[in-house]
Amino acid sequence: MALVTSVFVGLLFFGATYLILARSFIRLILGLSLLSNAVNLLIFTAGGFQRFSPPLVSVGGSNVAIERISDPLPQALVLTAIVISFGILSFALALTYRVIKVTRSDNMNTLSEGS
């Protein structure tokens, strides 16, 4: 399972790099979205796929050995990264909308020409 996910993460990084290097604002936004999803999946994969108990201690319940508790740090990092990437992508979409409205073009070369 980890091998398949690692290959998929590599494909996402490849697609994100291709889209970011294109000279289009929309492709840049899609590339940033793919890149953030690839990083999130990479962090989640690094946490492992073992089915352990959740890191909760119930009142009066049986205690589970620490070795059998899943690590909550990768899930917390991914959740935080999803929220941050949503905010960044929303801001980038607003900027892209404004640039396309002013320049009437989706091409990044029109900004360097000064039109």
PDB file of N, CA and C in Angstrom:
ATOM      1  N   MET A   1       0.820  -1.197   0.000  1.00  0.00           N
ATOM      2  CA  MET A   1       0.000   0.000   0.000  1.00  0.00           C
ATOM      3  C   MET A   1       0.861   1.257   0.000  1.00  0.00           C
ATOM      4  N   ALA A   2       1.947   1.217   0.759  1.00  0.00           N
ATOM      5  CA  ALA A   2       2.828   2.385   0.822  1.00  0.00           C
ATOM      6  C   ALA A   2       3.535   2.606  -0.508  1.00  0.00           C
ATOM      7  N   LEU A   3       3.844   1.529  -1.233  1.00  0.00           N
ATOM      8  CA  LEU A   3       4.504   1.669  -2.529  1.00  0.00           C
ATOM      9  C   LEU A   3       3.578   2.328  -3.544  1.00  0.00           C
ATOM     10  N   VAL A   4       2.328   1.914  -3.571  1.00  0.00           N
ATOM     11  CA  VAL A   4       1.354   2.506  -4.495  1.00  0.00           C
ATOM     12  C   VAL A   4       1.144   3.980  -4.170  1.00  0.00           C
ATOM     13  N   THR A   5       1.040   4.297  -2.902  1.00  0.00           N
ATOM     14  CA  THR A   5       0.846   5.689  -2.497  1.00  0.00           C
ATOM     15  C   THR A   5       2.076   6.529  -2.820  1.00  0.00           C
ATOM     16  N   SER A   6       3.259   5.963  -2.656  1.00  0.00           N
ATOM     17  CA  SER A   6       4.482   6.698  -2.976  1.00  0.00           C
ATOM     18  C   SER A   6       4.578   6.995  -4.466  1.00  0.00           C
ATOM     19  N   VAL A   7       4.208   6.034  -5.299  1.00  0.00           N
ATOM     20  CA  VAL A   7       4.194   6.267  -6.748  1.00  0.00           C
ATOM     21  C   VAL A   7       3.167   7.335  -7.095  1.00  0.00           C
ATOM     22  N   PHE A   8       2.017   7.290  -6.462  1.00  0.00           N
ATOM     23  CA  PHE A   8       0.983   8.292  -6.710  1.00  0.00           C
ATOM     24  C   PHE A   8       1.444   9.685  -6.284  1.00  0.00           C
ATOM     25  N   VAL A   9       2.151   9.775  -5.164  1.00  0.00           N
ATOM     26  CA  VAL A   9       2.702  11.061  -4.712  1.00  0.00           C
ATOM     27  C   VAL A   9       3.709  11.580  -5.735  1.00  0.00           C
ATOM     28  N   GLY A  10       4.543  10.696  -6.265  1.00  0.00           N
ATOM     29  CA  GLY A  10       5.500  11.098  -7.295  1.00  0.00           C
ATOM     30  C   GLY A  10       4.814  11.618  -8.542  1.00  0.00           C
ATOM     31  N   LEU A  11       3.740  10.961  -8.954  1.00  0.00           N
ATOM     32  CA  LEU A  11       2.976  11.431 -10.116  1.00  0.00           C
ATOM     33  C   LEU A  11       2.327  12.786  -9.847  1.00  0.00           C
ATOM     34  N   LEU A  12       1.840  12.982  -8.635  1.00  0.00           N
ATOM     35  CA  LEU A  12       1.264  14.281  -8.285  1.00  0.00           C
ATOM     36  C   LEU A  12       2.323  15.379  -8.308  1.00  0.00           C
ATOM     37  N   PHE A  13       3.518  15.091  -7.800  1.00  0.00           N
ATOM     38  CA  PHE A  13       4.608  16.071  -7.851  1.00  0.00           C
ATOM     39  C   PHE A  13       4.993  16.383  -9.295  1.00  0.00           C
ATOM     40  N   PHE A  14       5.036  15.355 -10.139  1.00  0.00           N
ATOM     41  CA  PHE A  14       5.365  15.569 -11.547  1.00  0.00           C
ATOM     42  C   PHE A  14       4.316  16.447 -12.221  1.00  0.00           C
ATOM     43  N   GLY A  15       3.044  16.130 -12.003  1.00  0.00           N
ATOM     44  CA  GLY A  15       1.973  16.938 -12.589  1.00  0.00           C
ATOM     45  C   GLY A  15       1.967  18.364 -12.071  1.00  0.00           C
ATOM     46  N   ALA A  16       2.235  18.529 -10.787  1.00  0.00           N
ATOM     47  CA  ALA A  16       2.270  19.875 -10.206  1.00  0.00           C
ATOM     48  C   ALA A  16       3.422  20.685 -10.782  1.00  0.00           C
ATOM     49  N   THR A  17       4.583  20.061 -10.943  1.00  0.00           N
ATOM     50  CA  THR A  17       5.728  20.765 -11.526  1.00  0.00           C
ATOM     51  C   THR A  17       5.437  21.177 -12.958  1.00  0.00           C
ATOM     52  N   TYR A  18       4.823  20.289 -13.721  1.00  0.00           N
ATOM     53  CA  TYR A  18       4.473  20.608 -15.109  1.00  0.00           C
ATOM     54  C   TYR A  18       3.503  21.785 -15.174  1.00  0.00           C
ATOM     55  N   LEU A  19       2.494  21.775 -14.324  1.00  0.00           N
ATOM     56  CA  LEU A  19       1.500  22.847 -14.353  1.00  0.00           C
ATOM     57  C   LEU A  19       2.064  24.172 -13.849  1.00  0.00           C
ATOM     58  N   ILE A  20       2.934  24.134 -12.854  1.00  0.00           N
ATOM     59  CA  ILE A  20       3.504  25.372 -12.318  1.00  0.00           C
ATOM     60  C   ILE A  20       4.435  26.028 -13.338  1.00  0.00           C
ATOM     61  N   LEU A  21       5.136  25.228 -14.133  1.00  0.00           N
ATOM     62  CA  LEU A  21       6.058  25.782 -15.121  1.00  0.00           C
ATOM     63  C   LEU A  21       5.360  26.302 -16.372  1.00  0.00           C
ATOM     64  N   ALA A  22       4.077  26.055 -16.529  1.00  0.00           N
ATOM     65  CA  ALA A  22       3.332  26.580 -17.678  1.00  0.00           C
ATOM     66  C   ALA A  22       3.155  28.085 -17.515  1.00  0.00           C
ATOM     67  N   ARG A  23       2.928  28.791 -18.608  1.00  0.00           N
ATOM     68  CA  ARG A  23       2.825  30.246 -18.574  1.00  0.00           C
ATOM     69  C   ARG A  23       1.367  30.687 -18.504  1.00  0.00           C
ATOM     70  N   SER A  24       0.594  30.061 -17.666  1.00  0.00           N
ATOM     71  CA  SER A  24      -0.820  30.383 -17.523  1.00  0.00           C
ATOM     72  C   SER A  24      -1.151  30.491 -16.037  1.00  0.00           C
ATOM     73  N   PHE A  25      -1.957  31.499 -15.700  1.00  0.00           N
ATOM     74  CA  PHE A  25      -2.313  31.685 -14.295  1.00  0.00           C
ATOM     75  C   PHE A  25      -3.198  30.553 -13.781  1.00  0.00           C
ATOM     76  N   ILE A  26      -4.128  30.103 -14.600  1.00  0.00           N
ATOM     77  CA  ILE A  26      -5.033  29.027 -14.171  1.00  0.00           C
ATOM     78  C   ILE A  26      -4.246  27.737 -13.939  1.00  0.00           C
ATOM     79  N   ARG A  27      -3.312  27.436 -14.834  1.00  0.00           N
ATOM     80  CA  ARG A  27      -2.491  26.239 -14.643  1.00  0.00           C
ATOM     81  C   ARG A  27      -1.600  26.371 -13.408  1.00  0.00           C
ATOM     82  N   LEU A  28      -1.152  27.579 -13.126  1.00  0.00           N
ATOM     83  CA  LEU A  28      -0.357  27.809 -11.917  1.00  0.00           C
ATOM     84  C   LEU A  28      -1.179  27.505 -10.666  1.00  0.00           C
ATOM     85  N   ILE A  29      -2.424  27.955 -10.651  1.00  0.00           N
ATOM     86  CA  ILE A  29      -3.307  27.686  -9.505  1.00  0.00           C
ATOM     87  C   ILE A  29      -3.557  26.182  -9.364  1.00  0.00           C
ATOM     88  N   LEU A  30      -3.830  25.510 -10.486  1.00  0.00           N
ATOM     89  CA  LEU A  30      -4.045  24.061 -10.435  1.00  0.00           C
ATOM     90  C   LEU A  30      -2.778  23.331  -9.982  1.00  0.00           C
ATOM     91  N   GLY A  31      -1.612  23.811 -10.417  1.00  0.00           N
ATOM     92  CA  GLY A  31      -0.353  23.214  -9.987  1.00  0.00           C
ATOM     93  C   GLY A  31      -0.110  23.385  -8.500  1.00  0.00           C
ATOM     94  N   LEU A  32      -0.427  24.568  -7.975  1.00  0.00           N
ATOM     95  CA  LEU A  32      -0.287  24.783  -6.531  1.00  0.00           C
ATOM     96  C   LEU A  32      -1.231  23.878  -5.742  1.00  0.00           C
ATOM     97  N   SER A  33      -2.424  23.683  -6.269  1.00  0.00           N
ATOM     98  CA  SER A  33      -3.380  22.794  -5.607  1.00  0.00           C
ATOM     99  C   SER A  33      -2.869  21.352  -5.610  1.00  0.00           C
ATOM    100  N   LEU A  34      -2.364  20.905  -6.758  1.00  0.00           N
ATOM    101  CA  LEU A  34      -1.809  19.553  -6.830  1.00  0.00           C
ATOM    102  C   LEU A  34      -0.599  19.395  -5.912  1.00  0.00           C
ATOM    103  N   LEU A  35       0.235  20.422  -5.862  1.00  0.00           N
ATOM    104  CA  LEU A  35       1.424  20.361  -5.014  1.00  0.00           C
ATOM    105  C   LEU A  35       1.052  20.261  -3.537  1.00  0.00           C
ATOM    106  N   SER A  36       0.076  21.041  -3.110  1.00  0.00           N
ATOM    107  CA  SER A  36      -0.330  20.964  -1.702  1.00  0.00           C
ATOM    108  C   SER A  36      -0.956  19.611  -1.380  1.00  0.00           C
ATOM    109  N   ASN A  37      -1.725  19.057  -2.317  1.00  0.00           N
ATOM    110  CA  ASN A  37      -2.296  17.728  -2.087  1.00  0.00           C
ATOM    111  C   ASN A  37      -1.211  16.655  -2.056  1.00  0.00           C
ATOM    112  N   ALA A  38      -0.190  16.800  -2.902  1.00  0.00           N
ATOM    113  CA  ALA A  38       0.902  15.824  -2.906  1.00  0.00           C
ATOM    114  C   ALA A  38       1.680  15.866  -1.596  1.00  0.00           C
ATOM    115  N   VAL A  39       1.935  17.060  -1.095  1.00  0.00           N
ATOM    116  CA  VAL A  39       2.661  17.180   0.178  1.00  0.00           C
ATOM    117  C   VAL A  39       1.826  16.610   1.322  1.00  0.00           C
ATOM    118  N   ASN A  40       0.527  16.882   1.315  1.00  0.00           N
ATOM    119  CA  ASN A  40      -0.347  16.329   2.355  1.00  0.00           C
ATOM    120  C   ASN A  40      -0.344  14.806   2.323  1.00  0.00           C
ATOM    121  N   LEU A  41      -0.425  14.239   1.131  1.00  0.00           N
ATOM    122  CA  LEU A  41      -0.415  12.784   1.005  1.00  0.00           C
ATOM    123  C   LEU A  41       0.940  12.209   1.405  1.00  0.00           C
ATOM    124  N   LEU A  42       2.016  12.935   1.109  1.00  0.00           N
ATOM    125  CA  LEU A  42       3.350  12.492   1.507  1.00  0.00           C
ATOM    126  C   LEU A  42       3.487  12.458   3.029  1.00  0.00           C
ATOM    127  N   ILE A  43       3.013  13.490   3.697  1.00  0.00           N
ATOM    128  CA  ILE A  43       3.075  13.523   5.165  1.00  0.00           C
ATOM    129  C   ILE A  43       2.207  12.415   5.756  1.00  0.00           C
ATOM    130  N   PHE A  44       1.036  12.221   5.171  1.00  0.00           N
ATOM    131  CA  PHE A  44       0.138  11.180   5.665  1.00  0.00           C
ATOM    132  C   PHE A  44       0.745   9.792   5.461  1.00  0.00           C
ATOM    133  N   THR A  45       1.413   9.590   4.324  1.00  0.00           N
ATOM    134  CA  THR A  45       2.059   8.305   4.057  1.00  0.00           C
ATOM    135  C   THR A  45       3.239   8.077   4.995  1.00  0.00           C
ATOM    136  N   ALA A  46       3.971   9.137   5.306  1.00  0.00           N
ATOM    137  CA  ALA A  46       5.117   9.006   6.208  1.00  0.00           C
ATOM    138  C   ALA A  46       4.673   8.588   7.609  1.00  0.00           C
ATOM    139  N   GLY A  47       3.429   8.897   7.969  1.00  0.00           N
ATOM    140  CA  GLY A  47       2.907   8.505   9.278  1.00  0.00           C
ATOM    141  C   GLY A  47       2.642   7.025   9.404  1.00  0.00           C
ATOM    142  N   GLY A  48       2.530   6.325   8.292  1.00  0.00           N
ATOM    143  CA  GLY A  48       2.303   4.887   8.308  1.00  0.00           C
ATOM    144  C   GLY A  48       0.835   4.541   8.142  1.00  0.00           C
ATOM    145  N   PHE A  49       0.604   3.269   7.768  1.00  0.00           N
ATOM    146  CA  PHE A  49      -0.756   2.808   7.511  1.00  0.00           C
ATOM    147  C   PHE A  49      -1.216   1.743   8.499  1.00  0.00           C
ATOM    148  N   GLN A  50      -0.569   1.636   9.636  1.00  0.00           N
ATOM    149  CA  GLN A  50      -0.955   0.615  10.599  1.00  0.00           C
ATOM    150  C   GLN A  50      -2.302   0.973  11.224  1.00  0.00           C
ATOM    151  N   ARG A  51      -3.065  -0.058  11.501  1.00  0.00           N
ATOM    152  CA  ARG A  51      -4.358   0.147  12.166  1.00  0.00           C
ATOM    153  C   ARG A  51      -4.166  -0.050  13.663  1.00  0.00           C
ATOM    154  N   PHE A  52      -3.891   1.048  14.314  1.00  0.00           N
ATOM    155  CA  PHE A  52      -3.725   1.020  15.755  1.00  0.00           C
ATOM    156  C   PHE A  52      -4.927   1.676  16.407  1.00  0.00           C
ATOM    157  N   SER A  53      -4.930   1.666  17.714  1.00  0.00           N
ATOM    158  CA  SER A  53      -6.000   2.307  18.467  1.00  0.00           C
ATOM    159  C   SER A  53      -5.862   3.820  18.378  1.00  0.00           C
ATOM    160  N   PRO A  54      -6.969   4.535  18.457  1.00  0.00           N
ATOM    161  CA  PRO A  54      -6.865   5.998  18.467  1.00  0.00           C
ATOM    162  C   PRO A  54      -6.211   6.473  19.761  1.00  0.00           C
ATOM    163  N   PRO A  55      -5.565   7.630  19.726  1.00  0.00           N
ATOM    164  CA  PRO A  55      -4.863   8.110  20.928  1.00  0.00           C
ATOM    165  C   PRO A  55      -5.803   8.733  21.942  1.00  0.00           C
ATOM    166  N   LEU A  56      -6.811   7.986  22.353  1.00  0.00           N
ATOM    167  CA  LEU A  56      -7.778   8.457  23.337  1.00  0.00           C
ATOM    168  C   LEU A  56      -7.737   7.542  24.553  1.00  0.00           C
ATOM    169  N   VAL A  57      -7.850   8.127  25.705  1.00  0.00           N
ATOM    170  CA  VAL A  57      -7.903   7.349  26.941  1.00  0.00           C
ATOM    171  C   VAL A  57      -9.297   7.528  27.512  1.00  0.00           C
ATOM    172  N   SER A  58     -10.022   6.427  27.601  1.00  0.00           N
ATOM    173  CA  SER A  58     -11.388   6.509  28.111  1.00  0.00           C
ATOM    174  C   SER A  58     -11.383   6.474  29.638  1.00  0.00           C
ATOM    175  N   VAL A  59     -12.403   7.081  30.210  1.00  0.00           N
ATOM    176  CA  VAL A  59     -12.532   7.108  31.663  1.00  0.00           C
ATOM    177  C   VAL A  59     -12.997   5.726  32.118  1.00  0.00           C
ATOM    178  N   GLY A  60     -12.211   5.099  32.929  1.00  0.00           N
ATOM    179  CA  GLY A  60     -12.570   3.785  33.451  1.00  0.00           C
ATOM    180  C   GLY A  60     -12.377   2.669  32.446  1.00  0.00           C
ATOM    181  N   GLY A  61     -11.872   2.977  31.278  1.00  0.00           N
ATOM    182  CA  GLY A  61     -11.665   1.962  30.249  1.00  0.00           C
ATOM    183  C   GLY A  61     -10.302   1.318  30.377  1.00  0.00           C
ATOM    184  N   SER A  62     -10.077   0.352  29.526  1.00  0.00           N
ATOM    185  CA  SER A  62      -8.781  -0.324  29.559  1.00  0.00           C
ATOM    186  C   SER A  62      -7.731   0.547  28.865  1.00  0.00           C
ATOM    187  N   ASN A  63      -6.565   0.556  29.429  1.00  0.00           N
ATOM    188  CA  ASN A  63      -5.475   1.322  28.839  1.00  0.00           C
ATOM    189  C   ASN A  63      -4.785   0.487  27.771  1.00  0.00           C
ATOM    190  N   VAL A  64      -4.401   1.141  26.698  1.00  0.00           N
ATOM    191  CA  VAL A  64      -3.730   0.469  25.594  1.00  0.00           C
ATOM    192  C   VAL A  64      -2.245   0.794  25.687  1.00  0.00           C
ATOM    193  N   ALA A  65      -1.412  -0.172  25.331  1.00  0.00           N
ATOM    194  CA  ALA A  65       0.031   0.065  25.354  1.00  0.00           C
ATOM    195  C   ALA A  65       0.394   1.169  24.366  1.00  0.00           C
ATOM    196  N   ILE A  66       1.418   1.928  24.701  1.00  0.00           N
ATOM    197  CA  ILE A  66       1.814   3.063  23.864  1.00  0.00           C
ATOM    198  C   ILE A  66       2.225   2.601  22.469  1.00  0.00           C
ATOM    199  N   GLU A  67       2.786   1.414  22.351  1.00  0.00           N
ATOM    200  CA  GLU A  67       3.207   0.909  21.043  1.00  0.00           C
ATOM    201  C   GLU A  67       2.022   0.648  20.124  1.00  0.00           C
ATOM    202  N   ARG A  68       0.835   0.475  20.676  1.00  0.00           N
ATOM    203  CA  ARG A  68      -0.350   0.156  19.874  1.00  0.00           C
ATOM    204  C   ARG A  68      -1.225   1.382  19.622  1.00  0.00           C
ATOM    205  N   ILE A  69      -0.722   2.585  19.908  1.00  0.00           N
ATOM    206  CA  ILE A  69      -1.491   3.812  19.675  1.00  0.00           C
ATOM    207  C   ILE A  69      -0.944   4.490  18.429  1.00  0.00           C
ATOM    208  N   SER A  70      -1.826   4.888  17.544  1.00  0.00           N
ATOM    209  CA  SER A  70      -1.383   5.562  16.323  1.00  0.00           C
ATOM    210  C   SER A  70      -0.887   6.967  16.643  1.00  0.00           C
ATOM    211  N   ASP A  71       0.063   7.426  15.854  1.00  0.00           N
ATOM    212  CA  ASP A  71       0.666   8.743  16.066  1.00  0.00           C
ATOM    213  C   ASP A  71      -0.277   9.816  15.517  1.00  0.00           C
ATOM    214  N   PRO A  72      -0.763  10.729  16.356  1.00  0.00           N
ATOM    215  CA  PRO A  72      -1.709  11.741  15.873  1.00  0.00           C
ATOM    216  C   PRO A  72      -1.035  12.932  15.192  1.00  0.00           C
ATOM    217  N   LEU A  73       0.288  13.033  15.250  1.00  0.00           N
ATOM    218  CA  LEU A  73       0.974  14.200  14.698  1.00  0.00           C
ATOM    219  C   LEU A  73       0.825  14.331  13.183  1.00  0.00           C
ATOM    220  N   PRO A  74       1.000  13.267  12.375  1.00  0.00           N
ATOM    221  CA  PRO A  74       0.812  13.447  10.928  1.00  0.00           C
ATOM    222  C   PRO A  74      -0.607  13.882  10.558  1.00  0.00           C
ATOM    223  N   GLN A  75      -1.609  13.337  11.237  1.00  0.00           N
ATOM    224  CA  GLN A  75      -2.983  13.740  10.946  1.00  0.00           C
ATOM    225  C   GLN A  75      -3.212  15.196  11.300  1.00  0.00           C
ATOM    226  N   ALA A  76      -2.647  15.649  12.407  1.00  0.00           N
ATOM    227  CA  ALA A  76      -2.802  17.051  12.799  1.00  0.00           C
ATOM    228  C   ALA A  76      -2.081  17.973  11.824  1.00  0.00           C
ATOM    229  N   LEU A  77      -0.896  17.580  11.375  1.00  0.00           N
ATOM    230  CA  LEU A  77      -0.164  18.384  10.398  1.00  0.00           C
ATOM    231  C   LEU A  77      -0.914  18.478   9.075  1.00  0.00           C
ATOM    232  N   VAL A  78      -1.470  17.356   8.619  1.00  0.00           N
ATOM    233  CA  VAL A  78      -2.208  17.360   7.354  1.00  0.00           C
ATOM    234  C   VAL A  78      -3.468  18.203   7.474  1.00  0.00           C
ATOM    235  N   LEU A  79      -4.162  18.102   8.576  1.00  0.00           N
ATOM    236  CA  LEU A  79      -5.368  18.906   8.762  1.00  0.00           C
ATOM    237  C   LEU A  79      -5.037  20.392   8.756  1.00  0.00           C
ATOM    238  N   THR A  80      -3.969  20.778   9.421  1.00  0.00           N
ATOM    239  CA  THR A  80      -3.542  22.176   9.416  1.00  0.00           C
ATOM    240  C   THR A  80      -3.112  22.610   8.023  1.00  0.00           C
ATOM    241  N   ALA A  81      -2.401  21.741   7.319  1.00  0.00           N
ATOM    242  CA  ALA A  81      -1.946  22.074   5.967  1.00  0.00           C
ATOM    243  C   ALA A  81      -3.113  22.221   4.999  1.00  0.00           C
ATOM    244  N   ILE A  82      -4.165  21.441   5.176  1.00  0.00           N
ATOM    245  CA  ILE A  82      -5.342  21.565   4.312  1.00  0.00           C
ATOM    246  C   ILE A  82      -5.987  22.925   4.499  1.00  0.00           C
ATOM    247  N   VAL A  83      -6.120  23.362   5.734  1.00  0.00           N
ATOM    248  CA  VAL A  83      -6.733  24.663   6.007  1.00  0.00           C
ATOM    249  C   VAL A  83      -5.872  25.796   5.456  1.00  0.00           C
ATOM    250  N   ILE A  84      -4.562  25.717   5.662  1.00  0.00           N
ATOM    251  CA  ILE A  84      -3.670  26.766   5.165  1.00  0.00           C
ATOM    252  C   ILE A  84      -3.661  26.794   3.642  1.00  0.00           C
ATOM    253  N   SER A  85      -3.611  25.637   3.004  1.00  0.00           N
ATOM    254  CA  SER A  85      -3.591  25.612   1.538  1.00  0.00           C
ATOM    255  C   SER A  85      -4.908  26.105   0.958  1.00  0.00           C
ATOM    256  N   PHE A  86      -6.017  25.865   1.648  1.00  0.00           N
ATOM    257  CA  PHE A  86      -7.290  26.401   1.176  1.00  0.00           C
ATOM    258  C   PHE A  86      -7.276  27.928   1.200  1.00  0.00           C
ATOM    259  N   GLY A  87      -6.740  28.506   2.256  1.00  0.00           N
ATOM    260  CA  GLY A  87      -6.646  29.964   2.337  1.00  0.00           C
ATOM    261  C   GLY A  87      -5.727  30.544   1.280  1.00  0.00           C
ATOM    262  N   ILE A  88      -4.581  29.904   1.069  1.00  0.00           N
ATOM    263  CA  ILE A  88      -3.636  30.394   0.065  1.00  0.00           C
ATOM    264  C   ILE A  88      -4.227  30.276  -1.332  1.00  0.00           C
ATOM    265  N   LEU A  89      -4.892  29.165  -1.628  1.00  0.00           N
ATOM    266  CA  LEU A  89      -5.488  28.997  -2.951  1.00  0.00           C
ATOM    267  C   LEU A  89      -6.642  29.964  -3.178  1.00  0.00           C
ATOM    268  N   SER A  90      -7.404  30.259  -2.144  1.00  0.00           N
ATOM    269  CA  SER A  90      -8.476  31.250  -2.285  1.00  0.00           C
ATOM    270  C   SER A  90      -7.901  32.626  -2.587  1.00  0.00           C
ATOM    271  N   PHE A  91      -6.829  32.993  -1.900  1.00  0.00           N
ATOM    272  CA  PHE A  91      -6.170  34.274  -2.150  1.00  0.00           C
ATOM    273  C   PHE A  91      -5.574  34.313  -3.555  1.00  0.00           C
ATOM    274  N   ALA A  92      -4.953  33.216  -3.979  1.00  0.00           N
ATOM    275  CA  ALA A  92      -4.374  33.161  -5.323  1.00  0.00           C
ATOM    276  C   ALA A  92      -5.456  33.240  -6.394  1.00  0.00           C
ATOM    277  N   LEU A  93      -6.605  32.626  -6.148  1.00  0.00           N
ATOM    278  CA  LEU A  93      -7.714  32.733  -7.105  1.00  0.00           C
ATOM    279  C   LEU A  93      -8.218  34.163  -7.210  1.00  0.00           C
ATOM    280  N   ALA A  94      -8.304  34.858  -6.088  1.00  0.00           N
ATOM    281  CA  ALA A  94      -8.746  36.256  -6.114  1.00  0.00           C
ATOM    282  C   ALA A  94      -7.748  37.126  -6.871  1.00  0.00           C
ATOM    283  N   LEU A  95      -6.456  36.918  -6.638  1.00  0.00           N
ATOM    284  CA  LEU A  95      -5.440  37.676  -7.366  1.00  0.00           C
ATOM    285  C   LEU A  95      -5.472  37.358  -8.859  1.00  0.00           C
ATOM    286  N   THR A  96      -5.642  36.090  -9.190  1.00  0.00           N
ATOM    287  CA  THR A  96      -5.700  35.696 -10.596  1.00  0.00           C
ATOM    288  C   THR A  96      -6.911  36.298 -11.282  1.00  0.00           C
ATOM    289  N   TYR A  97      -8.034  36.314 -10.599  1.00  0.00           N
ATOM    290  CA  TYR A  97      -9.237  36.922 -11.169  1.00  0.00           C
ATOM    291  C   TYR A  97      -9.000  38.393 -11.469  1.00  0.00           C
ATOM    292  N   ARG A  98      -8.360  39.082 -10.550  1.00  0.00           N
ATOM    293  CA  ARG A  98      -8.088  40.514 -10.742  1.00  0.00           C
ATOM    294  C   ARG A  98      -7.099  40.750 -11.885  1.00  0.00           C
ATOM    295  N   VAL A  99      -6.060  39.938 -11.968  1.00  0.00           N
ATOM    296  CA  VAL A  99      -5.068  40.091 -13.039  1.00  0.00           C
ATOM    297  C   VAL A  99      -5.698  39.819 -14.395  1.00  0.00           C
ATOM    298  N   ILE A 100      -6.516  38.783 -14.488  1.00  0.00           N
ATOM    299  CA  ILE A 100      -7.169  38.467 -15.762  1.00  0.00           C
ATOM    300  C   ILE A 100      -8.164  39.557 -16.130  1.00  0.00           C
ATOM    301  N   LYS A 101      -8.833  40.120 -15.142  1.00  0.00           N
ATOM    302  CA  LYS A 101      -9.787  41.192 -15.415  1.00  0.00           C
ATOM    303  C   LYS A 101      -9.079  42.448 -15.923  1.00  0.00           C
ATOM    304  N   VAL A 102      -7.920  42.772 -15.363  1.00  0.00           N
ATOM    305  CA  VAL A 102      -7.198  43.984 -15.769  1.00  0.00           C
ATOM    306  C   VAL A 102      -6.473  43.785 -17.097  1.00  0.00           C
ATOM    307  N   THR A 103      -5.762  42.672 -17.250  1.00  0.00           N
ATOM    308  CA  THR A 103      -4.950  42.463 -18.456  1.00  0.00           C
ATOM    309  C   THR A 103      -5.713  41.794 -19.588  1.00  0.00           C
ATOM    310  N   ARG A 104      -6.864  41.233 -19.306  1.00  0.00           N
ATOM    311  CA  ARG A 104      -7.672  40.494 -20.277  1.00  0.00           C
ATOM    312  C   ARG A 104      -6.885  39.347 -20.933  1.00  0.00           C
ATOM    313  N   SER A 105      -6.005  38.764 -20.150  1.00  0.00           N
ATOM    314  CA  SER A 105      -5.204  37.656 -20.651  1.00  0.00           C
ATOM    315  C   SER A 105      -4.853  36.727 -19.496  1.00  0.00           C
ATOM    316  N   ASP A 106      -4.690  35.458 -19.835  1.00  0.00           N
ATOM    317  CA  ASP A 106      -4.304  34.450 -18.858  1.00  0.00           C
ATOM    318  C   ASP A 106      -2.800  34.169 -18.917  1.00  0.00           C
ATOM    319  N   ASN A 107      -2.120  34.764 -19.869  1.00  0.00           N
ATOM    320  CA  ASN A 107      -0.707  34.504 -20.090  1.00  0.00           C
ATOM    321  C   ASN A 107       0.149  35.372 -19.177  1.00  0.00           C
ATOM    322  N   MET A 108       1.169  34.774 -18.580  1.00  0.00           N
ATOM    323  CA  MET A 108       2.051  35.525 -17.689  1.00  0.00           C
ATOM    324  C   MET A 108       2.987  36.456 -18.447  1.00  0.00           C
ATOM    325  N   ASN A 109       3.210  36.202 -19.719  1.00  0.00           N
ATOM    326  CA  ASN A 109       4.096  37.055 -20.505  1.00  0.00           C
ATOM    327  C   ASN A 109       3.516  38.449 -20.694  1.00  0.00           C
ATOM    328  N   THR A 110       2.202  38.602 -20.595  1.00  0.00           N
ATOM    329  CA  THR A 110       1.605  39.928 -20.759  1.00  0.00           C
ATOM    330  C   THR A 110       1.963  40.844 -19.596  1.00  0.00           C
ATOM    331  N   LEU A 111       2.252  40.282 -18.435  1.00  0.00           N
ATOM    332  CA  LEU A 111       2.667  41.109 -17.301  1.00  0.00           C
ATOM    333  C   LEU A 111       4.079  41.650 -17.495  1.00  0.00           C
ATOM    334  N   SER A 112       4.955  40.854 -18.075  1.00  0.00           N
ATOM    335  CA  SER A 112       6.331  41.309 -18.264  1.00  0.00           C
ATOM    336  C   SER A 112       6.447  42.320 -19.400  1.00  0.00           C
ATOM    337  N   GLU A 113       5.482  42.322 -20.322  1.00  0.00           N
ATOM    338  CA  GLU A 113       5.501  43.287 -21.419  1.00  0.00           C
ATOM    339  C   GLU A 113       5.010  44.654 -20.982  1.00  0.00           C
ATOM    340  N   GLY A 114       4.267  44.719 -19.909  1.00  0.00           N
ATOM    341  CA  GLY A 114       3.788  45.995 -19.388  1.00  0.00           C
ATOM    342  C   GLY A 114       2.529  46.495 -20.060  1.00  0.00           C
ATOM    343  N   SER A 115       1.745  45.607 -20.626  1.00  0.00           N
ATOM    344  CA  SER A 115       0.503  46.045 -21.268  1.00  0.00           C
ATOM    345  C   SER A 115      -0.562  46.018 -20.277  1.00  0.00           C
TER     346      SER A 115
END
